[in-house]
Amino acid sequence: MDRLDRRWSTFIKDWLPKGLFARSLLIIVAPVVVMQSIVTYIFFERHWDTVTRRLSRAVAGEIALLIETYPTQADQIAAQSLNAQLNRTLQMDVVKLPNEKIPAAVTVNFFLITERIFNEEMAKQISRPFWFDTEKYGDFVDVRVQLDKDVLRVLVPRNRVTSQTAHIFILWMVGTSMVLLTVAIIFLRNQVRPIALLAEAADSFGKGRDVPDFKATGASEVRQAAAAFLEMRDRINRQIEQRTVMLAGVSHDLRTPLTRMNLQLAMLPVSEEVEGLLADVREMQYMLDEYLAFARGQAGEAESQVNITDLLSEIAADSARQGKPLVLHDGEAISLPLRRGAIKRCIVNLVDNAQIHGSRTGIYVSRMSDHIEIAVHDDGPGLPEDKYEDAFLPFQRFDESRNQDRAGVGLGLAIARDIARSHGGDIQLSRSRLGGLCATISVPV
């Protein structure tokens, strides 16, 4: 039973529309369709069927009475008088066709309620062979009854056999439904649009793009959600700015005594101790730069259209000038809006990490359906899989498995992932095709 429920639930989820606008419209359309289906069933199966059957029964009874009372062929005056009276009171046109036979047996279309009901009522009340045609004369039904040697032909107005209000009912039903759906579509679109704009603004902000034109509009609940989003955006921006200012201040304050220490050490005689102190000062300066870069991230940089192939070629050329080989495996030209300086720093951090821990480094670029991937491979010692996520923690270093001679504080991967996520993407580590570590940047298109 549970499996059946799960299958039914999965079936409904697969066939139901995914968008809010389509689902809201379905909530309105479904009850209208069900209601109109019920009303149509009641009208056709009860009202129209009953009215048509009673009309057909009355006409069949009148024809049966006419057969019994119609004058003989010799009494032409009485026949003409009766025809005039029938035409005036019952709108029937009656004529006797001498020495004729009715056409072949009538073919009743089962799906035409009028023909089926009229045939049933005629068969109940008339014992003689009969034939009728509901299509030839449009507004009239041609009825013919076989007498002994003659045929009695009766033209009956169609509105005396069947109800003529069906088309009016259908017209009103369809017309009102179309008006209702049009109004629903207009109002729903206006109500759903602010939600769609809020989703777009949140997605853009998640990718690090500014949304200055976004305003809270729509229903009160949507306005409340939009206002909460704007407050959250401002709080995040303030926190980033405060972090950057704080680290910049600390960096500036520490650089002043470090500069004095450099000058004082430079004035001392050259010795092993002085060289050691100078190395420590340089390392402290490098650490300050790393801290500030980690705190600042991509702040202050505007987004622009970046050609990924050109950017990677530039990084490969810079690496070649430093004597560090870097193999670039680029595919089709890819261009998308990014913060060029930030994404370059992200890639350079991964490349530097790969070049320090391996002798061969390669970059592979591929485009997926909704994102691009930039994979940096090396042939170094790699990392255990259970250490992949820990490698992105700030100040995390795996000296036991990686090169211990590297200058740094363990912020390279943390800065790279922070930049990738600020563009709405991420960085994942895996086993490299070169045998070492592979760091893959994914950025949505």
Protein backbone atom coordinates (compact mmCIF):
# COMPACT_ATOMS: atom_id res chain seq x y z
CA MET A 1 0.00 0.00 0.00
CA ASP A 2 2.84 2.37 0.88
CA ARG A 3 4.56 1.58 -2.42
CA LEU A 4 1.37 2.31 -4.32
CA ASP A 5 0.98 5.61 -2.47
CA ARG A 6 4.56 6.54 -3.30
CA ARG A 7 4.06 5.70 -6.97
CA TRP A 8 0.87 7.73 -7.11
CA SER A 9 2.56 10.65 -5.37
CA THR A 10 5.50 10.47 -7.79
CA PHE A 11 3.13 10.32 -10.75
CA ILE A 12 1.28 13.43 -9.56
CA LYS A 13 4.53 15.33 -8.94
CA ASP A 14 5.83 14.44 -12.40
CA TRP A 15 2.68 15.60 -14.19
CA LEU A 16 1.81 18.65 -12.11
CA PRO A 17 3.31 21.96 -13.31
CA LYS A 18 6.38 23.11 -11.44
CA GLY A 19 5.93 26.90 -11.63
CA LEU A 20 3.92 28.94 -9.14
CA PHE A 21 1.97 30.72 -11.89
CA ALA A 22 0.95 27.43 -13.56
CA ARG A 23 0.00 25.84 -10.24
CA SER A 24 -2.04 28.86 -9.18
CA LEU A 25 -3.80 28.88 -12.53
CA LEU A 26 -4.50 25.17 -12.16
CA ILE A 27 -6.12 25.81 -8.78
CA ILE A 28 -8.59 28.12 -10.54
CA VAL A 29 -9.03 26.15 -13.76
CA ALA A 30 -9.55 22.70 -12.18
CA PRO A 31 -12.64 23.64 -10.10
CA VAL A 32 -14.13 25.52 -13.06
CA VAL A 33 -13.67 22.53 -15.37
CA VAL A 34 -15.11 20.13 -12.79
CA MET A 35 -18.06 22.41 -12.10
CA GLN A 36 -18.81 22.91 -15.79
CA SER A 37 -18.51 19.17 -16.43
CA ILE A 38 -21.06 18.47 -13.72
CA VAL A 39 -23.38 21.23 -14.96
CA THR A 40 -23.06 19.97 -18.55
CA TYR A 41 -23.82 16.41 -17.47
CA ILE A 42 -26.88 17.52 -15.52
CA PHE A 43 -28.08 19.74 -18.37
CA PHE A 44 -27.67 17.19 -21.17
CA GLU A 45 -28.52 14.04 -19.26
CA ARG A 46 -31.38 15.47 -17.25
CA HIS A 47 -32.76 18.73 -18.51
CA TRP A 48 -32.10 18.46 -22.26
CA ASP A 49 -32.84 14.74 -22.37
CA THR A 50 -36.13 15.22 -20.49
CA VAL A 51 -37.25 18.20 -22.55
CA THR A 52 -36.34 16.52 -25.85
CA ARG A 53 -38.09 13.29 -24.85
CA ARG A 54 -41.29 15.12 -23.88
CA LEU A 55 -41.31 17.16 -27.09
CA SER A 56 -40.69 14.05 -29.22
CA ARG A 57 -43.41 12.17 -27.35
CA ALA A 58 -45.91 14.95 -27.98
CA VAL A 59 -45.09 15.12 -31.70
CA ALA A 60 -45.24 11.32 -32.03
CA GLY A 61 -48.63 11.31 -30.30
CA GLU A 62 -49.94 14.03 -32.62
CA ILE A 63 -48.76 12.09 -35.69
CA ALA A 64 -50.36 8.91 -34.32
CA LEU A 65 -53.64 10.76 -33.80
CA LEU A 66 -53.32 12.30 -37.26
CA ILE A 67 -52.94 8.85 -38.84
CA GLU A 68 -56.15 7.63 -37.19
CA THR A 69 -58.21 10.70 -38.04
CA TYR A 70 -56.83 11.79 -41.41
CA PRO A 71 -59.65 11.88 -44.04
CA THR A 72 -59.76 9.37 -46.86
CA GLN A 73 -58.52 10.18 -50.33
CA ALA A 74 -62.06 10.95 -51.55
CA ASP A 75 -62.65 13.69 -49.01
CA GLN A 76 -60.27 16.34 -50.40
CA ILE A 77 -62.11 19.31 -48.86
CA ALA A 78 -61.89 17.86 -45.37
CA ALA A 79 -58.21 17.06 -45.91
CA GLN A 80 -57.40 20.60 -47.01
CA SER A 81 -59.31 22.05 -44.06
CA LEU A 82 -57.45 19.76 -41.64
CA ASN A 83 -54.09 20.64 -43.22
CA ALA A 84 -54.78 24.35 -42.81
CA GLN A 85 -55.83 23.85 -39.19
CA LEU A 86 -52.73 21.73 -38.41
CA ASN A 87 -50.46 24.29 -40.03
CA ARG A 88 -52.07 27.11 -38.09
CA THR A 89 -52.18 25.46 -34.65
CA LEU A 90 -49.34 22.91 -34.63
CA GLN A 91 -47.11 24.36 -37.41
CA MET A 92 -47.31 21.00 -39.20
CA ASP A 93 -47.40 20.68 -42.99
CA VAL A 94 -49.26 17.45 -43.87
CA VAL A 95 -49.66 15.89 -47.31
CA LYS A 96 -50.70 12.43 -48.50
CA LEU A 97 -48.56 10.94 -51.25
CA PRO A 98 -50.69 8.42 -53.19
CA ASN A 99 -49.25 5.13 -54.38
CA GLU A 100 -45.80 5.66 -52.87
CA LYS A 101 -43.52 3.81 -50.49
CA ILE A 102 -41.44 5.20 -47.69
CA PRO A 103 -37.64 5.13 -48.16
CA ALA A 104 -35.54 2.38 -46.68
CA ALA A 105 -35.43 1.97 -42.94
CA VAL A 106 -34.24 5.06 -41.10
CA THR A 107 -30.58 5.06 -40.00
CA VAL A 108 -30.38 6.57 -36.55
CA ASN A 109 -27.11 8.09 -35.36
CA PHE A 110 -26.81 6.78 -31.82
CA PHE A 111 -24.68 9.74 -30.78
CA LEU A 112 -27.35 12.26 -31.82
CA ILE A 113 -29.71 12.43 -28.86
CA THR A 114 -32.49 14.04 -30.93
CA GLU A 115 -32.66 11.23 -33.50
CA ARG A 116 -32.36 8.48 -30.92
CA ILE A 117 -35.11 9.84 -28.66
CA PHE A 118 -37.44 10.72 -31.54
CA ASN A 119 -37.04 7.24 -33.02
CA GLU A 120 -37.83 5.64 -29.67
CA GLU A 121 -40.98 7.71 -29.12
CA MET A 122 -42.21 7.15 -32.68
CA ALA A 123 -41.76 3.39 -32.30
CA LYS A 124 -43.74 3.44 -29.06
CA GLN A 125 -46.80 5.22 -30.48
CA ILE A 126 -46.89 4.31 -34.17
CA SER A 127 -47.30 0.71 -35.20
CA ARG A 128 -46.94 1.38 -38.90
CA PRO A 129 -43.60 1.58 -40.74
CA PHE A 130 -42.15 5.07 -40.59
CA TRP A 131 -39.12 7.01 -41.75
CA PHE A 132 -37.77 10.46 -40.84
CA ASP A 133 -34.95 12.79 -41.85
CA THR A 134 -33.60 15.48 -39.47
CA GLU A 135 -30.96 16.99 -41.77
CA LYS A 136 -32.39 17.61 -45.25
CA TYR A 137 -34.66 20.56 -44.48
CA GLY A 138 -32.69 22.21 -41.71
CA ASP A 139 -35.45 23.76 -39.57
CA PHE A 140 -37.90 20.92 -40.22
CA VAL A 141 -38.05 17.19 -39.58
CA ASP A 142 -39.39 15.19 -42.52
CA VAL A 143 -41.58 12.36 -41.16
CA ARG A 144 -43.17 9.77 -43.46
CA VAL A 145 -45.57 7.02 -42.38
CA GLN A 146 -46.57 4.14 -44.62
CA LEU A 147 -50.36 3.75 -44.91
CA ASP A 148 -52.04 0.96 -46.85
CA LYS A 149 -51.21 2.24 -50.34
CA ASP A 150 -50.18 5.80 -49.63
CA VAL A 151 -47.53 7.67 -47.63
CA LEU A 152 -48.47 10.32 -45.11
CA ARG A 153 -45.77 12.98 -45.09
CA VAL A 154 -45.54 15.41 -42.17
CA LEU A 155 -43.07 18.30 -41.92
CA VAL A 156 -42.61 19.17 -38.25
CA PRO A 157 -40.65 22.23 -37.06
CA ARG A 158 -37.40 21.14 -35.41
CA ASN A 159 -38.06 23.26 -32.34
CA ARG A 160 -41.14 21.10 -31.66
CA VAL A 161 -38.97 17.97 -31.55
CA THR A 162 -35.91 19.11 -29.60
CA SER A 163 -34.85 21.93 -27.30
CA GLN A 164 -33.08 24.77 -29.11
CA THR A 165 -31.37 26.26 -26.02
CA ALA A 166 -28.35 23.93 -25.99
CA HIS A 167 -26.16 26.16 -28.15
CA ILE A 168 -27.08 29.18 -26.05
CA PHE A 169 -26.13 27.28 -22.90
CA ILE A 170 -22.80 26.16 -24.36
CA LEU A 171 -22.07 29.66 -25.66
CA TRP A 172 -22.70 31.22 -22.27
CA MET A 173 -20.71 28.51 -20.49
CA VAL A 174 -17.68 28.80 -22.77
CA GLY A 175 -17.90 32.60 -22.90
CA THR A 176 -18.01 33.05 -19.14
CA SER A 177 -15.20 30.53 -18.72
CA MET A 178 -12.97 32.42 -21.14
CA VAL A 179 -13.69 35.71 -19.38
CA LEU A 180 -12.94 34.11 -16.00
CA LEU A 181 -9.70 32.56 -17.22
CA THR A 182 -8.57 35.81 -18.85
CA VAL A 183 -9.15 37.76 -15.66
CA ALA A 184 -7.45 35.02 -13.62
CA ILE A 185 -4.39 34.97 -15.89
CA ILE A 186 -4.01 38.77 -15.73
CA PHE A 187 -4.37 38.96 -11.96
CA LEU A 188 -2.24 35.90 -11.26
CA ARG A 189 0.54 37.12 -13.52
CA ASN A 190 0.60 40.42 -11.64
CA GLN A 191 0.69 38.59 -8.31
CA VAL A 192 3.36 36.06 -9.31
CA ARG A 193 5.65 38.58 -11.02
CA PRO A 194 6.92 40.15 -7.73
CA ILE A 195 7.76 36.66 -6.44
CA ALA A 196 9.69 35.90 -9.64
CA LEU A 197 11.55 39.22 -9.32
CA LEU A 198 12.40 38.40 -5.71
CA ALA A 199 13.76 35.00 -6.76
CA GLU A 200 15.85 36.62 -9.52
CA ALA A 201 17.19 39.22 -7.10
CA ALA A 202 18.11 36.57 -4.53
CA ASP A 203 19.80 34.47 -7.24
CA SER A 204 21.74 37.47 -8.54
CA PHE A 205 22.82 38.47 -5.04
CA GLY A 206 23.91 34.87 -4.38
CA LYS A 207 26.13 35.14 -7.46
CA GLY A 208 27.63 38.36 -6.15
CA ARG A 209 25.78 40.62 -8.57
CA ASP A 210 24.31 43.89 -7.40
CA VAL A 211 20.52 44.38 -7.63
CA PRO A 212 20.08 48.14 -7.10
CA ASP A 213 16.76 48.40 -8.97
CA PHE A 214 14.92 45.77 -6.94
CA LYS A 215 11.98 47.11 -4.92
CA ALA A 216 9.39 45.49 -2.68
CA THR A 217 6.14 45.17 -4.65
CA GLY A 218 3.12 42.90 -4.78
CA ALA A 219 0.94 41.50 -2.00
CA SER A 220 1.72 42.26 1.63
CA GLU A 221 3.33 38.86 2.21
CA VAL A 222 5.54 39.26 -0.85
CA ARG A 223 6.46 42.79 0.23
CA GLN A 224 7.38 41.45 3.65
CA ALA A 225 9.61 38.77 2.12
CA ALA A 226 11.21 41.34 -0.22
CA ALA A 227 11.84 43.73 2.68
CA ALA A 228 13.44 40.88 4.66
CA PHE A 229 15.66 40.09 1.67
CA LEU A 230 16.75 43.73 1.34
CA GLU A 231 17.55 43.92 5.07
CA MET A 232 19.51 40.67 4.83
CA ARG A 233 21.44 41.99 1.82
CA ASP A 234 22.32 45.20 3.67
CA ARG A 235 23.41 43.28 6.78
CA ILE A 236 25.66 40.98 4.73
CA ASN A 237 27.18 43.93 2.88
CA ARG A 238 27.77 45.75 6.18
CA GLN A 239 29.43 42.68 7.70
CA ILE A 240 31.71 42.29 4.67
CA GLU A 241 32.58 45.97 4.79
CA GLN A 242 33.24 45.88 8.54
CA ARG A 243 35.44 42.79 8.17
CA THR A 244 37.39 44.41 5.36
CA VAL A 245 37.84 47.69 7.22
CA MET A 246 38.90 45.90 10.39
CA LEU A 247 41.48 43.73 8.63
CA ALA A 248 42.68 46.68 6.57
CA GLY A 249 43.17 48.68 9.76
CA VAL A 250 45.00 45.86 11.46
CA SER A 251 47.16 45.35 8.38
CA HIS A 252 47.96 49.05 8.18
CA ASP A 253 48.80 49.27 11.89
CA LEU A 254 51.07 46.24 11.73
CA ARG A 255 52.83 47.29 8.55
CA THR A 256 54.21 50.43 10.23
CA PRO A 257 56.25 48.61 12.91
CA LEU A 258 57.21 45.94 10.35
CA THR A 259 58.58 48.67 8.09
CA ARG A 260 60.59 50.13 10.97
CA MET A 261 61.92 46.68 11.78
CA ASN A 262 62.97 46.24 8.14
CA LEU A 263 64.83 49.55 8.20
CA GLN A 264 66.54 48.79 11.50
CA LEU A 265 67.55 45.32 10.32
CA ALA A 266 68.86 46.74 7.07
CA MET A 267 71.19 49.06 9.03
CA LEU A 268 72.64 46.22 11.07
CA PRO A 269 75.69 44.28 9.91
CA VAL A 270 74.90 41.22 7.82
CA SER A 271 74.76 38.10 9.93
CA GLU A 272 72.91 34.82 10.16
CA GLU A 273 70.68 36.19 12.92
CA VAL A 274 69.80 39.32 10.90
CA GLU A 275 68.95 37.22 7.84
CA GLY A 276 66.67 35.06 9.98
CA LEU A 277 64.90 38.13 11.36
CA LEU A 278 64.46 39.56 7.84
CA ALA A 279 62.92 36.26 6.70
CA ASP A 280 60.52 36.38 9.65
CA VAL A 281 59.51 39.95 8.79
CA ARG A 282 58.90 39.05 5.16
CA GLU A 283 56.77 36.08 6.24
CA MET A 284 54.76 38.33 8.55
CA GLN A 285 54.17 40.76 5.67
CA TYR A 286 53.06 37.88 3.45
CA MET A 287 50.70 36.66 6.16
CA LEU A 288 49.19 40.13 6.51
CA ASP A 289 48.58 40.26 2.77
CA GLU A 290 46.87 36.84 2.92
CA TYR A 291 44.66 37.88 5.84
CA LEU A 292 43.62 41.06 4.07
CA ALA A 293 42.90 39.24 0.82
CA PHE A 294 40.77 36.69 2.67
CA ALA A 295 38.81 39.41 4.45
CA ARG A 296 38.38 41.64 1.41
CA GLY A 297 37.40 38.87 -1.03
CA GLN A 298 35.85 40.49 -4.10
CA ALA A 299 34.59 43.64 -2.37
CA GLY A 300 34.57 46.77 -4.48
CA GLU A 301 35.07 45.11 -7.86
CA ALA A 302 32.45 45.62 -10.55
CA GLU A 303 31.16 42.79 -12.69
CA SER A 304 32.07 42.66 -16.38
CA GLN A 305 31.91 40.29 -19.33
CA VAL A 306 34.92 37.98 -19.05
CA ASN A 307 36.29 35.71 -21.77
CA ILE A 308 37.38 32.61 -19.86
CA THR A 309 39.73 31.43 -22.63
CA ASP A 310 41.58 34.77 -22.70
CA LEU A 311 41.79 34.85 -18.90
CA LEU A 312 43.27 31.35 -18.71
CA SER A 313 45.73 32.17 -21.50
CA GLU A 314 46.84 35.19 -19.48
CA ILE A 315 47.34 33.03 -16.36
CA ALA A 316 49.29 30.45 -18.40
CA ALA A 317 51.53 33.20 -19.83
CA ASP A 318 52.22 34.62 -16.35
CA SER A 319 53.09 31.14 -15.12
CA ALA A 320 55.41 30.55 -18.06
CA ARG A 321 57.29 33.80 -17.35
CA GLN A 322 57.89 32.54 -13.81
CA GLY A 323 59.34 29.32 -15.17
CA LYS A 324 56.39 27.19 -14.03
CA PRO A 325 54.92 25.08 -16.84
CA LEU A 326 51.11 25.11 -17.13
CA VAL A 327 49.25 23.15 -19.81
CA LEU A 328 45.97 24.71 -20.91
CA HIS A 329 43.27 22.46 -22.43
CA ASP A 330 40.61 24.95 -23.48
CA GLY A 331 37.57 24.21 -25.64
CA GLU A 332 35.04 26.60 -27.14
CA ALA A 333 35.19 30.30 -26.36
CA ILE A 334 33.21 30.99 -23.18
CA SER A 335 32.19 34.45 -22.03
CA LEU A 336 30.05 35.31 -19.01
CA PRO A 337 29.62 38.12 -16.44
CA LEU A 338 32.19 37.79 -13.64
CA ARG A 339 34.41 39.92 -11.40
CA ARG A 340 37.55 39.47 -13.42
CA GLY A 341 40.11 40.20 -10.71
CA ALA A 342 38.39 37.97 -8.18
CA ILE A 343 37.94 34.97 -10.48
CA LYS A 344 41.54 35.33 -11.67
CA ARG A 345 42.76 35.24 -8.08
CA CYS A 346 40.60 32.16 -7.47
CA ILE A 347 42.16 30.29 -10.42
CA VAL A 348 45.70 31.52 -9.61
CA ASN A 349 45.38 30.26 -6.02
CA LEU A 350 44.48 26.79 -7.30
CA VAL A 351 47.24 26.87 -9.92
CA ASP A 352 49.84 27.97 -7.35
CA ASN A 353 48.72 25.23 -4.99
CA ALA A 354 48.98 22.64 -7.78
CA GLN A 355 52.41 23.85 -8.96
CA ILE A 356 53.85 23.80 -5.45
CA HIS A 357 52.78 20.25 -4.77
CA GLY A 358 53.28 18.75 -8.23
CA SER A 359 55.66 18.85 -11.17
CA ARG A 360 52.91 18.87 -13.84
CA THR A 361 49.84 21.12 -13.85
CA GLY A 362 46.98 21.27 -16.34
CA ILE A 363 43.77 23.25 -16.68
CA TYR A 364 40.71 21.74 -18.40
CA VAL A 365 37.70 23.89 -19.32
CA SER A 366 34.27 22.46 -20.21
CA ARG A 367 30.81 23.89 -20.63
CA MET A 368 27.76 22.08 -19.22
CA SER A 369 24.09 22.87 -19.76
CA ASP A 370 23.83 25.45 -16.97
CA HIS A 371 27.40 26.01 -15.76
CA ILE A 372 31.06 25.95 -16.72
CA GLU A 373 33.79 23.90 -15.08
CA ILE A 374 37.44 24.89 -14.73
CA ALA A 375 39.45 21.92 -13.44
CA VAL A 376 43.05 22.33 -12.21
CA HIS A 377 44.97 19.02 -12.14
CA ASP A 378 48.34 18.20 -10.64
CA ASP A 379 50.48 15.06 -10.23
CA GLY A 380 51.33 15.69 -6.60
CA PRO A 381 50.74 13.45 -3.58
CA GLY A 382 47.08 14.44 -3.37
CA LEU A 383 44.87 14.20 -0.28
CA PRO A 384 42.72 11.47 1.30
CA GLU A 385 39.08 11.82 0.35
CA ASP A 386 38.04 12.36 3.97
CA LYS A 387 40.26 15.46 4.04
CA TYR A 388 38.77 17.18 0.98
CA GLU A 389 36.35 19.43 2.88
CA ASP A 390 38.83 20.13 5.67
CA ALA A 391 41.24 21.52 3.08
CA PHE A 392 38.95 24.52 2.56
CA LEU A 393 38.99 25.53 6.22
CA PRO A 394 40.92 28.78 6.87
CA PHE A 395 44.46 28.32 8.19
CA GLN A 396 44.27 24.58 7.47
CA ARG A 397 47.49 22.94 6.29
CA PHE A 398 48.22 19.25 5.74
CA ASP A 399 51.96 19.37 6.19
CA GLU A 400 52.17 15.68 6.81
CA SER A 401 51.08 14.91 3.24
CA ARG A 402 51.96 18.10 1.37
CA ASN A 403 55.12 20.12 0.88
CA GLN A 404 56.20 21.73 4.17
CA ASP A 405 58.44 24.33 2.58
CA ARG A 406 55.60 26.43 1.26
CA ALA A 407 55.25 29.96 2.63
CA GLY A 408 51.70 30.71 3.64
CA VAL A 409 49.05 30.40 6.28
CA GLY A 410 46.60 27.98 4.65
CA LEU A 411 44.18 30.52 3.16
CA GLY A 412 44.60 29.78 -0.55
CA LEU A 413 41.79 27.26 -0.94
CA ALA A 414 39.56 29.14 1.51
CA ILE A 415 39.91 32.35 -0.52
CA ALA A 416 39.32 30.46 -3.79
CA ARG A 417 36.11 28.80 -2.54
CA ASP A 418 34.90 32.10 -1.05
CA ILE A 419 35.29 33.75 -4.47
CA ALA A 420 33.65 30.86 -6.32
CA ARG A 421 30.66 30.85 -3.98
CA SER A 422 30.32 34.61 -4.25
CA HIS A 423 29.71 33.99 -7.98
CA GLY A 424 27.01 31.41 -7.18
CA GLY A 425 29.35 28.47 -7.81
CA ASP A 426 31.62 26.26 -5.74
CA ILE A 427 34.91 24.34 -5.72
CA GLN A 428 35.13 20.57 -5.28
CA LEU A 429 38.21 18.41 -4.82
CA SER A 430 38.66 15.00 -6.41
CA ARG A 431 41.30 12.60 -7.69
CA SER A 432 43.21 14.03 -10.64
CA ARG A 433 43.65 12.29 -13.98
CA LEU A 434 47.38 13.12 -13.53
CA GLY A 435 47.48 11.15 -10.30
CA GLY A 436 47.37 14.00 -7.78
CA LEU A 437 44.64 16.40 -6.74
CA CYS A 438 41.95 17.99 -8.97
CA ALA A 439 40.24 21.23 -7.90
CA THR A 440 37.15 21.96 -10.04
CA ILE A 441 35.57 25.42 -10.12
CA SER A 442 31.93 25.44 -11.20
CA VAL A 443 30.29 28.76 -12.08
CA PRO A 444 26.66 29.07 -13.28
CA VAL A 445 26.13 30.47 -16.74
